[in-house]
């Protein structure tokens, strides 16, 4: 089984990964804050997306929950289709679902640029990666707080992004789990500079600085942005704080 895993890792990294253009590459190598639409006021979704775009947002994060992998239900392909029609931002879809192989294709068709799925999910990760590569979208893998970094070792060379959850997935507005900073360091060491390292959960100016220092370059923030009185200013301040660490 180990030999098969090694062969598949080589095959995908050699042939499949080179067969498409990584959508994250258009962002360059700087630190990026990605506003999480889960925290939006959905009665004002278009207005609030315009606010972060006016402040420089280039990525929007879309959390998808199936009510099974996590106990909540959230966001669907219809919302992604609507956002795609009105925004040029990279759409970063995070599947918190038991069967990402089932859910991936509808979100690709809806306009997702990159899809991230959990290593803890039931689907064969190689099959999910294969589907996403064939569809021409970016591929990410996610670790829950309780999952060890070694779990992603067989596929880390096959993905464009590794997402580290710094809260338990399923609900917005939770507090940052500080012991995940060591995991960020370990993932960055494992992935090198070949993949983006994304962090999601409890991100504000203080925790953003900690995450960037640990090795993250992509920060998902919801409540800290969309819960602010001035959404554009909140995004700009968070982006500036994170980017400032990167150039220290």
Protein backbone atom coordinates (compact mmCIF):
# COMPACT_ATOMS: atom_id res chain seq x y z
CA UNK A 1 0.00 0.00 0.00
CA UNK A 2 2.86 2.38 0.76
CA UNK A 3 4.39 1.73 -2.65
CA UNK A 4 1.06 2.45 -4.33
CA UNK A 5 0.68 5.71 -2.39
CA UNK A 6 4.20 6.79 -3.38
CA UNK A 7 3.53 5.96 -7.04
CA UNK A 8 0.23 7.86 -7.06
CA UNK A 9 1.87 10.85 -5.39
CA UNK A 10 4.57 10.87 -8.10
CA UNK A 11 2.01 10.40 -10.92
CA UNK A 12 -0.27 13.22 -9.80
CA UNK A 13 2.54 15.64 -9.04
CA UNK A 14 4.27 14.90 -12.34
CA UNK A 15 1.34 14.76 -14.74
CA UNK A 16 -1.95 15.92 -13.23
CA UNK A 17 -0.66 18.98 -11.41
CA UNK A 18 1.10 20.23 -14.53
CA UNK A 19 -2.02 19.85 -16.68
CA UNK A 20 -3.79 22.94 -15.39
CA UNK A 21 -3.07 26.49 -14.24
CA UNK A 22 -3.09 26.98 -10.48
CA UNK A 23 -5.62 29.78 -9.81
CA UNK A 24 -3.77 30.82 -6.66
CA UNK A 25 -0.72 31.73 -8.72
CA UNK A 26 -2.43 34.91 -9.91
CA UNK A 27 -2.15 36.28 -6.36
CA UNK A 28 1.63 36.15 -6.29
CA UNK A 29 3.42 35.24 -3.06
CA UNK A 30 2.14 37.85 -0.62
CA UNK A 31 -0.13 37.42 2.38
CA UNK A 32 -3.82 37.42 1.46
CA UNK A 33 -6.87 37.95 3.68
CA UNK A 34 -9.93 36.09 2.40
CA UNK A 35 -13.28 37.37 3.73
CA UNK A 36 -15.59 34.53 4.72
CA UNK A 37 -19.09 34.94 3.30
CA UNK A 38 -20.53 32.78 6.10
CA UNK A 39 -20.33 35.89 8.30
CA UNK A 40 -22.17 38.16 5.84
CA UNK A 41 -25.60 39.64 6.38
CA UNK A 42 -27.24 37.74 3.51
CA UNK A 43 -29.84 40.47 3.05
CA UNK A 44 -26.87 42.70 2.11
CA UNK A 45 -24.58 40.14 0.48
CA UNK A 46 -23.86 42.05 -2.71
CA UNK A 47 -23.29 45.30 -0.85
CA UNK A 48 -20.91 43.68 1.62
CA UNK A 49 -18.93 41.89 -1.09
CA UNK A 50 -18.59 45.22 -2.91
CA UNK A 51 -17.29 46.77 0.33
CA UNK A 52 -14.42 44.30 0.72
CA UNK A 53 -13.64 44.42 -2.99
CA UNK A 54 -13.38 48.20 -2.82
CA UNK A 55 -10.82 47.76 -0.03
CA UNK A 56 -8.72 45.39 -2.12
CA UNK A 57 -10.09 41.89 -1.50
CA UNK A 58 -9.07 39.44 -4.24
CA UNK A 59 -10.40 36.21 -2.71
CA UNK A 60 -13.77 35.29 -1.16
CA UNK A 61 -14.08 32.24 1.09
CA UNK A 62 -17.22 30.08 0.85
CA UNK A 63 -17.94 27.59 3.64
CA UNK A 64 -20.12 24.62 2.69
CA UNK A 65 -21.61 22.43 5.44
CA UNK A 66 -23.68 19.29 4.92
CA UNK A 67 -25.23 18.83 8.38
CA UNK A 68 -23.42 15.49 8.69
CA UNK A 69 -19.65 16.06 8.66
CA UNK A 70 -20.43 19.11 10.78
CA UNK A 71 -23.73 19.71 12.59
CA UNK A 72 -24.62 22.87 10.69
CA UNK A 73 -25.94 23.52 7.17
CA UNK A 74 -24.48 26.35 5.11
CA UNK A 75 -24.15 27.74 1.59
CA UNK A 76 -24.82 26.00 -1.69
CA UNK A 77 -23.93 26.06 -5.40
CA UNK A 78 -26.69 28.58 -6.09
CA UNK A 79 -24.99 31.15 -3.88
CA UNK A 80 -21.62 30.49 -5.54
CA UNK A 81 -23.25 30.92 -8.96
CA UNK A 82 -24.72 34.27 -7.92
CA UNK A 83 -21.45 35.53 -6.44
CA UNK A 84 -19.53 34.35 -9.52
CA UNK A 85 -21.85 36.40 -11.74
CA UNK A 86 -21.13 39.57 -9.79
CA UNK A 87 -17.50 39.24 -8.68
CA UNK A 88 -14.09 38.64 -10.23
CA UNK A 89 -12.60 37.51 -6.91
CA UNK A 90 -11.09 34.07 -6.64
CA UNK A 91 -13.79 31.89 -5.06
CA UNK A 92 -12.23 29.65 -2.42
CA UNK A 93 -14.78 26.94 -1.53
CA UNK A 94 -14.24 24.94 1.67
CA UNK A 95 -16.23 21.69 1.71
CA UNK A 96 -17.06 20.63 5.26
CA UNK A 97 -18.83 17.53 4.00
CA UNK A 98 -18.64 13.79 4.50
CA UNK A 99 -18.53 13.02 0.76
CA UNK A 100 -16.55 15.69 -1.13
CA UNK A 101 -16.50 13.52 -4.25
CA UNK A 102 -20.29 14.00 -4.45
CA UNK A 103 -20.29 17.71 -3.62
CA UNK A 104 -17.31 18.92 -5.64
CA UNK A 105 -18.75 18.90 -9.16
CA UNK A 106 -21.80 21.12 -8.48
CA UNK A 107 -19.52 23.78 -6.99
CA UNK A 108 -17.12 23.54 -9.93
CA UNK A 109 -20.07 24.08 -12.30
CA UNK A 110 -21.27 26.99 -10.17
CA UNK A 111 -17.98 28.83 -10.64
CA UNK A 112 -15.62 27.88 -7.82
CA UNK A 113 -11.98 28.62 -8.60
CA UNK A 114 -10.53 26.39 -5.88
CA UNK A 115 -12.06 23.67 -3.72
CA UNK A 116 -10.68 22.51 -0.40
CA UNK A 117 -11.79 19.28 1.26
CA UNK A 118 -11.08 17.54 4.55
CA UNK A 119 -8.54 14.75 4.89
CA UNK A 120 -10.92 13.34 7.53
CA UNK A 121 -13.78 12.97 4.99
CA UNK A 122 -14.90 9.58 3.66
CA UNK A 123 -13.97 10.06 0.00
CA UNK A 124 -10.71 8.73 -1.43
CA UNK A 125 -8.52 11.86 -1.49
CA UNK A 126 -6.81 10.80 -4.71
CA UNK A 127 -10.19 10.50 -6.44
CA UNK A 128 -11.22 13.96 -5.26
CA UNK A 129 -7.91 15.46 -6.39
CA UNK A 130 -8.27 13.71 -9.75
CA UNK A 131 -11.77 15.13 -10.25
CA UNK A 132 -10.72 18.66 -9.32
CA UNK A 133 -7.60 18.59 -11.47
CA UNK A 134 -9.61 17.36 -14.44
CA UNK A 135 -12.07 20.21 -13.86
CA UNK A 136 -9.23 22.74 -13.91
CA UNK A 137 -9.79 24.19 -10.44
CA UNK A 138 -7.41 24.62 -7.53
CA UNK A 139 -7.13 21.89 -4.92
CA UNK A 140 -6.77 22.25 -1.17
CA UNK A 141 -6.70 19.84 1.77
CA UNK A 142 -7.93 20.64 5.30
CA UNK A 143 -6.91 19.55 8.79
CA UNK A 144 -9.22 19.76 11.79
CA UNK A 145 -7.61 20.90 15.08
CA UNK A 146 -7.35 17.33 16.34
CA UNK A 147 -5.83 15.85 13.19
CA UNK A 148 -2.07 15.36 13.06
CA UNK A 149 -0.03 16.91 10.25
CA UNK A 150 1.22 13.47 9.17
CA UNK A 151 -2.29 12.69 7.90
CA UNK A 152 -1.75 14.88 4.83
CA UNK A 153 1.78 13.69 4.04
CA UNK A 154 0.71 11.37 1.17
CA UNK A 155 -1.11 14.19 -0.68
CA UNK A 156 0.62 17.42 0.33
CA UNK A 157 2.67 17.52 -2.88
CA UNK A 158 -0.53 17.19 -4.93
CA UNK A 159 -2.38 20.23 -3.63
CA UNK A 160 -2.15 23.99 -4.07
CA UNK A 161 -3.19 24.88 -0.54
CA UNK A 162 -3.28 23.38 2.95
CA UNK A 163 -5.95 24.77 5.27
CA UNK A 164 -5.46 24.51 9.03
CA UNK A 165 -8.61 24.93 11.10
CA UNK A 166 -7.92 27.00 14.20
CA UNK A 167 -11.44 26.38 15.47
CA UNK A 168 -13.63 23.29 15.30
CA UNK A 169 -15.37 23.40 11.91
CA UNK A 170 -19.10 23.99 11.72
CA UNK A 171 -19.78 27.40 13.25
CA UNK A 172 -18.47 30.92 12.76
CA UNK A 173 -17.43 33.29 15.54
CA UNK A 174 -15.39 30.83 17.65
CA UNK A 175 -12.23 31.70 19.53
CA UNK A 176 -8.79 30.97 18.07
CA UNK A 177 -7.13 27.73 19.27
CA UNK A 178 -3.59 28.89 19.99
CA UNK A 179 -1.96 25.45 20.05
CA UNK A 180 -2.56 25.23 16.30
CA UNK A 181 0.32 27.64 15.73
CA UNK A 182 2.77 24.73 16.02
CA UNK A 183 0.75 22.91 13.37
CA UNK A 184 1.03 25.91 11.04
CA UNK A 185 4.82 25.77 11.44
CA UNK A 186 4.85 22.03 10.75
CA UNK A 187 2.65 22.33 7.66
CA UNK A 188 4.81 25.10 6.25
CA UNK A 189 7.90 22.96 6.78
CA UNK A 190 6.21 20.01 5.10
CA UNK A 191 4.76 21.94 2.15
CA UNK A 192 7.67 24.29 1.61
CA UNK A 193 6.78 27.17 -0.69
CA UNK A 194 4.95 24.98 -3.20
CA UNK A 195 1.55 25.41 -1.55
CA UNK A 196 -0.26 28.19 0.22
CA UNK A 197 -0.87 27.69 3.94
CA UNK A 198 -4.31 28.93 4.90
CA UNK A 199 -5.74 29.43 8.39
CA UNK A 200 -9.44 29.63 9.25
CA UNK A 201 -10.97 30.36 12.64
CA UNK A 202 -10.82 33.21 15.13
CA UNK A 203 -8.75 35.45 12.86
CA UNK A 204 -8.36 39.08 13.93
CA UNK A 205 -5.42 41.46 13.81
CA UNK A 206 -3.66 39.85 16.78
CA UNK A 207 -4.11 36.23 15.69
CA UNK A 208 -3.36 37.10 12.05
CA UNK A 209 0.07 38.35 13.07
CA UNK A 210 0.72 35.14 15.02
CA UNK A 211 -0.34 32.96 12.09
CA UNK A 212 1.79 34.80 9.54
CA UNK A 213 4.82 34.55 11.83
CA UNK A 214 4.16 30.80 12.08
CA UNK A 215 4.16 30.42 8.30
CA UNK A 216 0.64 31.12 7.04
CA UNK A 217 0.11 33.28 3.97
CA UNK A 218 -3.68 33.03 3.52
CA UNK A 219 -6.02 34.12 6.31
CA UNK A 220 -9.77 33.51 6.39
CA UNK A 221 -11.67 36.08 8.44
CA UNK A 222 -15.41 36.40 8.88
CA UNK A 223 -16.81 38.10 11.96
CA UNK A 224 -13.82 40.43 12.33
CA UNK A 225 -14.62 41.86 8.89
CA UNK A 226 -18.36 41.53 8.31
CA UNK A 227 -19.23 42.15 11.96
CA UNK A 228 -17.52 45.54 11.88
CA UNK A 229 -19.36 48.83 11.46
CA UNK A 230 -17.05 49.77 8.59
CA UNK A 231 -16.49 46.56 6.62
CA UNK A 232 -14.05 48.04 4.11
CA UNK A 233 -11.89 49.56 6.83
CA UNK A 234 -11.93 46.33 8.85
CA UNK A 235 -10.70 44.37 5.86
CA UNK A 236 -8.03 46.95 5.00
CA UNK A 237 -6.76 47.07 8.59
CA UNK A 238 -6.55 43.27 8.83
CA UNK A 239 -4.79 42.98 5.46
CA UNK A 240 -2.32 45.69 6.44
CA UNK A 241 -1.56 44.05 9.81
CA UNK A 242 -0.94 40.67 8.17
CA UNK A 243 1.07 42.02 5.25
CA UNK A 244 3.16 44.13 7.63
CA UNK A 245 4.40 40.99 9.37
CA UNK A 246 5.38 39.45 6.07
CA UNK A 247 7.80 42.25 5.26
CA UNK A 248 9.33 42.63 8.75
